Amino acid sequence: MNSNKKPNILFIVIDSLRADKSYGDTRKCITPNLDKMIKNGTYFTQAISPSDATILSIRSIFTGLLPFKTGTVKNEKINSVSNEKIPTITSILKKSGYQIFGKVPSLISLDSMYSDFVNNDKFQVDKKWPRLEDGLGSEIIEKIKKKLDEPWFYYAHILDVHSKVMPKMPPLVIPEKYDKEEFGESKYERAVSSTDYWLGEILKNIDLENTIVIITADHGSFIPYYKNGISLEESITSKLPNIRTPKFLNPLKRKAYSIIKNKEKDEFLVKIEKLSLTEYDKRNLLCLYNKNSFKILYDELVRIPLLFMGPNVPQNTIIKNQVSSRDILPTLIDMLQLDENISTDGSSLFSLIKGQIIDEKPIFIQSSFPMEKESEYLVGIRTSKYKYNRSIDDPKQNVYLYNLENDPKEEQNIANEEKEIVEQYENILKKYLSNIQNEEKSDDEQMIENELKKLGYI
């Protein structure tokens, strides 16, 4: 690559893609293209999302800021990302001469992130989540194949592996070719295999000598599947009877439907009572029925893949240091040698990528919303050794501490046994929370709640 020529940038976020389904020998999905990319680039095995759902995570990625600084969740909207003074990946790159393109879901709460796009390439997610096989993959490829003005930044947000983890969400739809056991045990793994095919097709049209490629996720996901085909990944089979009845009978029809659904649920729960489930298996399989699972920021929800590939990126490099997805923005600024003096909460990973030894930093994480009105937001700290969560309002409520080295699946809460570690991590957490102020629900927070209802989370 010409040293004076700015590289193009392909940035792909695969919604809900877990780290343990992206890399390693324990997974059953088939990912030849992702595997090849990892061999040709630098992969972080311990990348952590700042939150457990899309909106806060994407805002944090685009700004490099902690989630609560993006104008949401119990803080004054002094620093809302709707304020154009806060730099984002796209505004910084546009200022540096990049043309900005993308294919993204239409969400009002993320409009400020996408305001610099040349084209309004958004897709609706009201009733159905369009996937690569539905035409999005071909649209992305056609756009990239055009002679775009260089340098360009192309961002794609892909929903193909988003599990049905709440009853109102659309089920996973797997292309027939990949909906087979050879491509994964669960529907989720098969969706990963299908997505990998499209990654390969997209990369065929990229000049990799002049393009930085970034692959990551906004957050992880529970996988409502247990071995031997016990799964809640597909849509509930019963439907409201399509029978024309007088309007006054509609309440009775809905009641009958509710009885049928409750019966299905009871029959399923009776079936799995006979199984010897671990706590890890239980919370994944029963996530549709047990909202309490979402109250804790398990690694299934916040540990994500992070891959860099392209000019000046070492090949076949695996980095085990804990990092955050909010580090992506300062890393790009460093890699491109941009003259940007901006303040972020992330740190450039470029020194790590080049092989330097850098001390890990504790990472702040927060739940994106309460799943029930009476529940509370959780905040926490994660290091490579421990994960600490507690209520945002009361450090004595909903306290969880997990030893990630001895208990990587987070099945044993040791908060009561390890008071000193809890105190140590609480002190770290308080430093992060020092500028959060409790207040009534803001307009921005209400907008996010409306978007989450739209996506089927609440």
Protein backbone atom coordinates (compact mmCIF):
# COMPACT_ATOMS: atom_id res chain seq x y z
CA MET A 1 0.00 0.00 0.00
CA ASN A 2 1.21 3.52 -0.79
CA SER A 3 2.21 5.04 2.55
CA ASN A 4 0.57 8.33 1.58
CA LYS A 5 -2.69 6.68 0.61
CA LYS A 6 -5.37 6.31 3.25
CA PRO A 7 -6.76 2.77 3.46
CA ASN A 8 -10.44 2.03 2.99
CA ILE A 9 -12.24 0.63 6.03
CA LEU A 10 -14.81 -2.18 6.12
CA PHE A 11 -16.45 -2.34 9.55
CA ILE A 12 -18.91 -5.20 10.19
CA VAL A 13 -20.92 -5.63 13.39
CA ILE A 14 -22.60 -9.04 13.64
CA ASP A 15 -25.40 -8.48 16.11
CA SER A 16 -25.36 -10.91 19.09
CA LEU A 17 -22.30 -12.87 17.97
CA ARG A 18 -20.69 -14.50 20.99
CA ALA A 19 -16.93 -14.86 21.37
CA ASP A 20 -17.14 -18.60 22.07
CA LYS A 21 -18.96 -19.16 18.75
CA SER A 22 -16.44 -17.13 16.75
CA TYR A 23 -13.18 -18.81 17.72
CA GLY A 24 -12.06 -22.02 19.43
CA ASP A 25 -12.50 -25.79 19.29
CA THR A 26 -15.66 -26.17 21.40
CA ARG A 27 -18.06 -24.82 18.77
CA LYS A 28 -19.76 -26.87 16.07
CA CYS A 29 -20.37 -24.12 13.51
CA ILE A 30 -18.38 -24.13 10.27
CA THR A 31 -16.55 -20.84 9.66
CA PRO A 32 -13.80 -21.25 7.04
CA ASN A 33 -13.90 -17.56 6.06
CA LEU A 34 -13.74 -16.20 9.60
CA ASP A 35 -11.01 -18.71 10.44
CA LYS A 36 -9.01 -17.53 7.43
CA MET A 37 -9.50 -13.90 8.41
CA ILE A 38 -8.22 -14.61 11.91
CA LYS A 39 -5.12 -16.28 10.44
CA ASN A 40 -4.61 -13.22 8.23
CA GLY A 41 -5.13 -10.70 11.00
CA THR A 42 -5.08 -9.98 14.74
CA TYR A 43 -7.84 -11.42 16.92
CA PHE A 44 -8.74 -10.50 20.51
CA THR A 45 -10.13 -13.44 22.48
CA GLN A 46 -11.24 -11.35 25.45
CA ALA A 47 -13.05 -8.35 23.97
CA ILE A 48 -15.85 -7.03 26.18
CA SER A 49 -18.90 -5.05 25.14
CA PRO A 50 -19.85 -2.17 27.47
CA SER A 51 -23.48 -3.32 27.56
CA ASP A 52 -25.78 -6.25 26.86
CA ALA A 53 -27.94 -4.85 24.06
CA THR A 54 -27.54 -2.94 20.85
CA ILE A 55 -28.24 0.72 21.45
CA LEU A 56 -25.82 1.52 24.25
CA SER A 57 -23.18 -0.78 22.77
CA ILE A 58 -23.23 0.86 19.32
CA ARG A 59 -23.22 4.33 20.82
CA SER A 60 -20.19 3.40 22.90
CA ILE A 61 -18.38 1.87 19.90
CA PHE A 62 -19.00 4.93 17.73
CA THR A 63 -17.95 7.47 20.39
CA GLY A 64 -15.41 5.54 22.46
CA LEU A 65 -17.31 6.69 25.54
CA LEU A 66 -18.72 4.83 28.50
CA PRO A 67 -22.41 3.96 27.97
CA PHE A 68 -23.74 6.36 30.60
CA LYS A 69 -21.97 9.26 28.89
CA THR A 70 -24.00 8.81 25.71
CA GLY A 71 -27.07 10.47 27.19
CA THR A 72 -28.89 7.45 28.63
CA VAL A 73 -29.68 5.83 31.95
CA LYS A 74 -29.88 8.02 35.02
CA ASN A 75 -27.61 10.85 33.98
CA GLU A 76 -28.16 14.39 32.83
CA LYS A 77 -28.05 14.72 29.06
CA ILE A 78 -25.06 17.03 29.15
CA ASN A 79 -23.10 14.72 26.89
CA SER A 80 -25.85 13.17 24.79
CA VAL A 81 -24.57 11.78 21.49
CA SER A 82 -27.33 13.76 19.84
CA ASN A 83 -25.12 16.73 20.67
CA GLU A 84 -23.06 17.19 17.51
CA LYS A 85 -20.04 18.32 19.56
CA ILE A 86 -19.25 14.73 20.48
CA PRO A 87 -17.05 13.16 17.79
CA THR A 88 -17.96 9.75 16.36
CA ILE A 89 -16.12 7.31 14.12
CA THR A 90 -17.99 8.62 11.08
CA SER A 91 -17.63 12.34 11.84
CA ILE A 92 -13.89 11.95 12.46
CA LEU A 93 -13.33 9.95 9.29
CA LYS A 94 -15.49 12.30 7.23
CA LYS A 95 -13.40 15.22 8.47
CA SER A 96 -10.33 13.28 7.31
CA GLY A 97 -11.66 12.88 3.78
CA TYR A 98 -13.49 9.57 3.98
CA GLN A 99 -16.75 8.86 2.16
CA ILE A 100 -19.17 7.25 4.63
CA PHE A 101 -21.48 4.39 3.59
CA GLY A 102 -23.43 1.76 5.47
CA LYS A 103 -26.27 -0.73 5.76
CA VAL A 104 -27.98 -0.40 9.12
CA PRO A 105 -31.26 -1.09 10.93
CA SER A 106 -33.58 1.89 11.17
CA LEU A 107 -33.54 2.95 14.83
CA ILE A 108 -34.24 6.53 15.90
CA SER A 109 -31.92 6.17 18.88
CA LEU A 110 -28.97 5.55 16.54
CA ASP A 111 -29.74 8.22 13.94
CA SER A 112 -27.01 10.49 15.30
CA MET A 113 -24.48 7.73 14.61
CA TYR A 114 -25.53 7.46 10.98
CA SER A 115 -25.99 11.12 10.07
CA ASP A 116 -22.74 11.21 8.08
CA PHE A 117 -23.68 8.39 5.68
CA VAL A 118 -23.72 9.36 2.02
CA ASN A 119 -26.77 7.19 1.37
CA ASN A 120 -29.69 6.53 3.64
CA ASP A 121 -29.19 2.74 3.47
CA LYS A 122 -31.43 1.63 6.32
CA PHE A 123 -33.69 -1.38 6.66
CA GLN A 124 -36.80 -1.70 8.81
CA VAL A 125 -36.91 -4.05 11.80
CA ASP A 126 -40.51 -3.60 12.95
CA LYS A 127 -41.97 -7.03 12.20
CA LYS A 128 -39.12 -8.91 10.56
CA TRP A 129 -35.36 -8.67 10.77
CA PRO A 130 -34.02 -8.78 7.20
CA ARG A 131 -30.99 -11.01 6.83
CA LEU A 132 -28.14 -11.41 4.38
CA GLU A 133 -29.92 -14.19 2.48
CA ASP A 134 -32.99 -11.93 2.08
CA GLY A 135 -31.02 -9.62 -0.20
CA LEU A 136 -28.99 -7.54 2.23
CA GLY A 137 -25.85 -9.50 1.42
CA SER A 138 -26.22 -8.84 -2.30
CA GLU A 139 -26.95 -5.16 -1.66
CA ILE A 140 -23.78 -4.79 0.42
CA ILE A 141 -21.70 -6.49 -2.27
CA GLU A 142 -23.20 -4.39 -5.08
CA LYS A 143 -22.43 -1.19 -3.18
CA ILE A 144 -18.83 -2.22 -2.50
CA LYS A 145 -18.31 -3.38 -6.11
CA LYS A 146 -19.11 0.11 -7.36
CA LYS A 147 -16.17 2.43 -7.88
CA LEU A 148 -16.61 4.28 -4.58
CA ASP A 149 -14.66 7.45 -4.07
CA GLU A 150 -11.64 6.59 -1.95
CA PRO A 151 -10.91 6.50 0.84
CA TRP A 152 -14.23 5.04 1.96
CA PHE A 153 -15.66 3.71 5.23
CA TYR A 154 -18.38 1.07 4.88
CA TYR A 155 -20.29 -0.06 7.96
CA ALA A 156 -22.70 -3.02 8.00
CA HIS A 157 -24.87 -4.10 10.92
CA ILE A 158 -25.89 -7.73 10.41
CA LEU A 159 -28.77 -9.39 12.29
CA ASP A 160 -28.46 -12.96 11.01
CA VAL A 161 -27.42 -14.60 14.30
CA HIS A 162 -29.70 -12.69 16.67
CA SER A 163 -31.33 -15.40 18.78
CA LYS A 164 -34.97 -15.42 19.79
CA VAL A 165 -34.26 -14.64 23.44
CA MET A 166 -37.56 -12.88 24.17
CA PRO A 167 -41.04 -14.15 23.18
CA LYS A 168 -41.84 -11.13 20.98
CA MET A 169 -38.68 -11.40 18.91
CA PRO A 170 -38.60 -12.92 15.43
CA PRO A 171 -37.20 -16.46 15.36
CA LEU A 172 -33.91 -17.32 13.74
CA VAL A 173 -34.41 -17.97 10.04
CA ILE A 174 -31.70 -20.20 8.61
CA PRO A 175 -31.17 -20.69 4.85
CA GLU A 176 -32.20 -24.24 4.02
CA LYS A 177 -28.70 -25.17 2.89
CA TYR A 178 -27.30 -24.41 6.35
CA ASP A 179 -30.16 -25.64 8.52
CA LYS A 180 -28.48 -29.00 9.01
CA GLU A 181 -26.58 -30.62 11.86
CA GLU A 182 -23.31 -30.54 9.91
CA PHE A 183 -23.33 -26.73 10.22
CA GLY A 184 -23.99 -26.67 13.97
CA GLU A 185 -25.97 -28.25 16.77
CA SER A 186 -28.14 -25.24 17.53
CA LYS A 187 -29.95 -22.88 15.18
CA TYR A 188 -27.61 -20.21 16.47
CA GLU A 189 -24.51 -22.09 15.34
CA ARG A 190 -26.07 -22.78 11.95
CA ALA A 191 -26.79 -19.07 11.59
CA VAL A 192 -23.12 -18.37 12.32
CA SER A 193 -22.15 -20.84 9.57
CA SER A 194 -24.51 -19.14 7.12
CA THR A 195 -23.20 -15.68 8.04
CA ASP A 196 -19.65 -16.92 7.49
CA TYR A 197 -20.52 -17.75 3.88
CA TRP A 198 -21.59 -14.15 3.29
CA LEU A 199 -18.46 -12.79 4.97
CA GLY A 200 -16.49 -14.73 2.37
CA GLU A 201 -18.62 -13.37 -0.47
CA ILE A 202 -18.19 -9.79 0.75
CA LEU A 203 -14.43 -10.14 1.16
CA LYS A 204 -14.07 -11.42 -2.41
CA ASN A 205 -14.88 -7.87 -3.50
CA ILE A 206 -12.44 -6.11 -1.18
CA ASP A 207 -8.90 -5.00 -1.99
CA LEU A 208 -7.36 -6.38 1.20
CA GLU A 209 -4.02 -4.69 0.50
CA ASN A 210 -5.71 -1.32 0.80
CA THR A 211 -8.54 -2.02 3.27
CA ILE A 212 -8.64 -2.31 7.04
CA VAL A 213 -11.29 -4.86 7.99
CA ILE A 214 -12.87 -4.85 11.46
CA ILE A 215 -15.23 -7.61 12.58
CA THR A 216 -16.94 -7.44 15.96
CA ALA A 217 -20.36 -7.63 17.65
CA ASP A 218 -22.46 -5.20 19.64
CA HIS A 219 -23.06 -7.78 22.40
CA GLY A 220 -23.46 -11.51 22.88
CA SER A 221 -26.55 -13.63 23.43
CA PHE A 222 -28.08 -16.49 25.32
CA ILE A 223 -28.61 -19.55 23.16
CA PRO A 224 -31.91 -21.26 24.11
CA TYR A 225 -30.66 -24.71 23.15
CA TYR A 226 -29.63 -27.83 25.04
CA LYS A 227 -27.97 -30.94 23.64
CA ASN A 228 -30.00 -33.62 21.87
CA GLY A 229 -32.22 -31.08 20.15
CA ILE A 230 -34.01 -29.49 23.12
CA SER A 231 -34.50 -25.97 21.84
CA LEU A 232 -36.58 -22.82 22.20
CA GLU A 233 -34.90 -21.08 19.28
CA GLU A 234 -37.83 -21.38 16.91
CA SER A 235 -41.13 -19.51 16.96
CA ILE A 236 -43.84 -20.72 19.31
CA THR A 237 -45.93 -23.12 17.22
CA SER A 238 -49.35 -22.10 18.49
CA LYS A 239 -50.94 -19.07 16.87
CA LEU A 240 -54.04 -17.06 17.49
CA PRO A 241 -56.75 -18.93 15.56
CA ASN A 242 -57.45 -17.28 12.21
CA ILE A 243 -61.20 -17.50 12.61
CA ARG A 244 -63.50 -14.61 11.82
CA THR A 245 -65.47 -13.85 14.95
CA PRO A 246 -67.52 -10.88 16.21
CA LYS A 247 -65.37 -8.24 17.91
CA PHE A 248 -67.00 -8.86 21.28
CA LEU A 249 -65.53 -12.40 21.21
CA ASN A 250 -61.93 -11.20 20.69
CA PRO A 251 -61.14 -11.09 24.44
CA LEU A 252 -62.33 -14.70 24.76
CA LYS A 253 -60.20 -15.72 21.76
CA ARG A 254 -57.13 -14.06 23.26
CA LYS A 255 -57.78 -15.80 26.57
CA ALA A 256 -57.97 -19.18 24.82
CA TYR A 257 -54.71 -18.43 23.04
CA SER A 258 -53.06 -17.53 26.34
CA ILE A 259 -54.21 -20.83 27.86
CA ILE A 260 -52.71 -22.77 24.94
CA LYS A 261 -49.39 -20.94 25.26
CA ASN A 262 -49.25 -21.47 29.03
CA LYS A 263 -49.97 -25.17 28.53
CA GLU A 264 -47.09 -25.42 26.04
CA LYS A 265 -44.80 -23.68 28.51
CA ASP A 266 -45.82 -25.96 31.40
CA GLU A 267 -45.32 -29.07 29.28
CA PHE A 268 -41.87 -27.89 28.27
CA LEU A 269 -40.85 -27.08 31.85
CA VAL A 270 -42.01 -30.51 33.02
CA LYS A 271 -39.90 -32.06 30.27
CA ILE A 272 -36.70 -30.31 31.26
CA GLU A 273 -37.18 -30.91 35.00
CA LYS A 274 -36.00 -34.44 34.29
CA LEU A 275 -32.73 -33.15 32.86
CA SER A 276 -29.59 -32.59 34.89
CA LEU A 277 -28.97 -28.98 33.89
CA THR A 278 -26.08 -26.86 35.08
CA GLU A 279 -26.77 -23.24 35.99
CA TYR A 280 -25.15 -22.26 32.69
CA ASP A 281 -27.38 -24.61 30.67
CA LYS A 282 -30.47 -23.52 32.57
CA ARG A 283 -30.10 -19.78 32.04
CA ASN A 284 -29.39 -20.23 28.32
CA LEU A 285 -32.20 -22.70 27.61
CA LEU A 286 -34.80 -20.89 29.71
CA CYS A 287 -33.98 -17.29 28.83
CA LEU A 288 -37.38 -16.84 27.16
CA TYR A 289 -39.15 -17.80 30.39
CA ASN A 290 -36.75 -16.46 33.01
CA LYS A 291 -36.21 -12.72 32.77
CA ASN A 292 -33.99 -12.82 35.85
CA SER A 293 -31.21 -14.25 33.68
CA PHE A 294 -30.87 -10.87 31.99
CA LYS A 295 -30.26 -9.08 35.29
CA ILE A 296 -26.67 -10.32 35.40
CA LEU A 297 -24.08 -9.31 32.83
CA TYR A 298 -22.85 -12.83 32.08
CA ASP A 299 -20.06 -13.31 29.55
CA GLU A 300 -22.57 -14.86 27.14
CA LEU A 301 -24.02 -11.35 26.89
CA VAL A 302 -20.90 -9.16 26.90
CA ARG A 303 -17.95 -11.19 25.60
CA ILE A 304 -17.62 -10.63 21.85
CA PRO A 305 -15.23 -11.24 18.94
CA LEU A 306 -12.88 -8.49 17.81
CA LEU A 307 -10.75 -8.85 14.67
CA PHE A 308 -8.51 -6.42 12.80
CA MET A 309 -7.12 -7.31 9.38
CA GLY A 310 -5.37 -5.30 6.67
CA PRO A 311 -2.39 -3.00 6.08
CA ASN A 312 0.10 -2.88 8.99
CA VAL A 313 -1.89 -5.46 10.98
CA PRO A 314 0.17 -8.54 11.97
CA GLN A 315 -1.11 -11.87 10.69
CA ASN A 316 -1.98 -14.98 12.70
CA THR A 317 -1.84 -13.05 15.97
CA ILE A 318 -4.01 -13.99 18.92
CA ILE A 319 -4.16 -11.53 21.81
CA LYS A 320 -5.59 -12.73 25.14
CA ASN A 321 -5.52 -9.39 26.94
CA GLN A 322 -8.92 -8.11 28.04
CA VAL A 323 -9.97 -5.15 25.88
CA SER A 324 -13.18 -3.22 25.23
CA SER A 325 -15.11 -2.49 22.04
CA ARG A 326 -14.95 1.18 23.02
CA ASP A 327 -11.21 0.88 22.20
CA ILE A 328 -12.01 0.59 18.48
CA LEU A 329 -12.31 4.34 17.83
CA PRO A 330 -8.99 5.36 19.44
CA THR A 331 -7.33 2.36 17.72
CA LEU A 332 -8.49 3.57 14.31
CA ILE A 333 -7.28 7.10 15.03
CA ASP A 334 -3.88 5.65 15.97
CA MET A 335 -3.67 3.26 13.00
CA LEU A 336 -4.55 6.00 10.51
CA GLN A 337 -2.29 8.54 12.25
CA LEU A 338 -5.08 11.08 12.34
CA ASP A 339 -4.43 14.38 14.03
CA GLU A 340 -7.37 14.13 16.40
CA ASN A 341 -7.13 15.37 19.96
CA ILE A 342 -10.37 13.99 21.35
CA SER A 343 -11.22 12.57 24.74
CA THR A 344 -12.49 8.98 24.90
CA ASP A 345 -12.81 6.35 27.62
CA GLY A 346 -11.17 3.78 25.37
CA SER A 347 -7.50 3.19 24.67
CA SER A 348 -5.72 2.49 21.40
CA LEU A 349 -4.99 -1.20 20.87
CA PHE A 350 -2.43 -0.49 18.16
CA SER A 351 0.52 -0.96 20.54
CA LEU A 352 -0.88 -4.36 21.54
CA ILE A 353 -1.41 -5.22 17.89
CA LYS A 354 2.24 -4.35 17.20
CA GLY A 355 3.36 -6.69 19.98
CA GLN A 356 3.97 -4.39 22.93
CA ILE A 357 3.07 -5.52 26.45
CA ILE A 358 0.40 -3.34 28.05
CA ASP A 359 -1.30 -3.72 31.41
CA GLU A 360 -4.99 -4.58 31.32
CA LYS A 361 -7.55 -2.10 32.57
CA PRO A 362 -10.73 -2.94 34.49
CA ILE A 363 -13.71 -2.57 32.14
CA PHE A 364 -16.97 -0.91 33.14
CA ILE A 365 -20.14 -2.68 32.02
CA GLN A 366 -23.80 -1.85 32.50
CA SER A 367 -27.14 -3.43 31.73
CA SER A 368 -29.01 -1.62 29.01
CA PHE A 369 -32.43 -1.65 30.63
CA PRO A 370 -34.47 -3.36 33.33
CA MET A 371 -36.41 -6.32 31.95
CA GLU A 372 -39.16 -5.61 34.47
CA LYS A 373 -40.37 -2.30 35.84
CA GLU A 374 -39.54 -3.24 39.43
CA SER A 375 -36.01 -4.40 38.63
CA GLU A 376 -32.96 -2.18 38.56
CA TYR A 377 -30.13 -1.44 36.20
CA LEU A 378 -26.93 -3.30 36.97
CA VAL A 379 -23.45 -1.88 36.67
CA GLY A 380 -20.19 -3.68 37.12
CA ILE A 381 -16.50 -4.18 36.59
CA ARG A 382 -14.83 -6.98 34.66
CA THR A 383 -11.19 -8.02 34.70
CA SER A 384 -9.62 -11.23 33.44
CA LYS A 385 -9.89 -12.59 36.99
CA TYR A 386 -13.25 -11.43 38.32
CA LYS A 387 -16.66 -10.09 37.26
CA TYR A 388 -18.49 -7.81 39.72
CA ASN A 389 -22.12 -6.65 39.26
CA ARG A 390 -24.49 -4.75 41.52
CA SER A 391 -27.50 -2.44 41.43
CA ILE A 392 -26.81 1.05 40.11
CA ASP A 393 -28.83 2.54 42.99
CA ASP A 394 -27.67 0.45 45.94
CA PRO A 395 -24.26 -1.27 46.26
CA LYS A 396 -25.81 -3.74 48.69
CA GLN A 397 -28.47 -4.99 46.29
CA ASN A 398 -28.12 -7.60 43.52
CA VAL A 399 -24.43 -8.12 44.29
CA TYR A 400 -22.67 -10.74 42.14
CA LEU A 401 -19.01 -11.71 42.08
CA TYR A 402 -17.64 -14.47 39.86
CA ASN A 403 -14.13 -15.91 39.69
CA LEU A 404 -13.66 -16.08 35.92
CA GLU A 405 -10.48 -18.16 36.16
CA ASN A 406 -11.99 -20.92 38.32
CA ASP A 407 -15.61 -20.49 37.21
CA PRO A 408 -15.61 -19.27 33.57
CA LYS A 409 -19.33 -20.08 33.14
CA GLU A 410 -20.23 -17.91 36.13
CA GLU A 411 -22.26 -20.48 38.04
CA GLN A 412 -21.11 -19.68 41.61
CA ASN A 413 -21.76 -16.24 43.09
CA ILE A 414 -18.96 -15.77 45.66
CA ALA A 415 -19.84 -12.22 46.76
CA ASN A 416 -20.60 -13.29 50.35
CA GLU A 417 -17.37 -15.28 50.66
CA GLU A 418 -15.04 -12.68 49.12
CA LYS A 419 -15.91 -9.42 50.87
CA GLU A 420 -12.46 -7.91 50.34
CA ILE A 421 -12.59 -8.45 46.57
CA VAL A 422 -16.11 -7.00 46.47
CA GLU A 423 -14.84 -3.92 48.30
CA GLN A 424 -11.86 -3.62 45.96
CA TYR A 425 -14.03 -3.80 42.84
CA GLU A 426 -16.64 -1.50 44.38
CA ASN A 427 -13.97 1.18 44.80
CA ILE A 428 -13.06 0.83 41.12
CA LEU A 429 -16.73 1.02 40.16
CA LYS A 430 -17.32 4.16 42.23
CA LYS A 431 -14.66 5.99 40.25
CA TYR A 432 -16.59 5.27 37.05
CA LEU A 433 -19.92 6.21 38.59
CA SER A 434 -18.76 9.47 40.19
CA ASN A 435 -20.52 11.63 37.59
CA ILE A 436 -23.80 9.72 37.28
CA GLN A 437 -26.75 11.55 38.82
CA ASN A 438 -30.05 9.87 39.58
CA GLU A 439 -33.02 11.47 37.93
CA GLU A 440 -36.38 10.73 36.42
CA LYS A 441 -36.47 8.94 33.08
CA SER A 442 -35.17 11.30 30.40
CA ASP A 443 -36.66 11.76 26.95
CA ASP A 444 -33.61 9.97 25.53
CA GLU A 445 -34.09 7.05 27.88
CA GLN A 446 -37.78 6.86 26.96
CA MET A 447 -36.81 6.76 23.28
CA ILE A 448 -34.51 3.82 23.95
CA GLU A 449 -37.26 1.98 25.80
CA ASN A 450 -39.56 2.49 22.81
CA GLU A 451 -36.88 1.12 20.47
CA LEU A 452 -36.40 -1.91 22.71
CA LYS A 453 -40.12 -2.62 22.56
CA LYS A 454 -39.88 -2.34 18.78
CA LEU A 455 -37.10 -4.95 18.77
CA GLY A 456 -39.04 -7.29 21.06
CA TYR A 457 -36.94 -6.96 24.21
CA ILE A 458 -39.77 -5.59 26.35
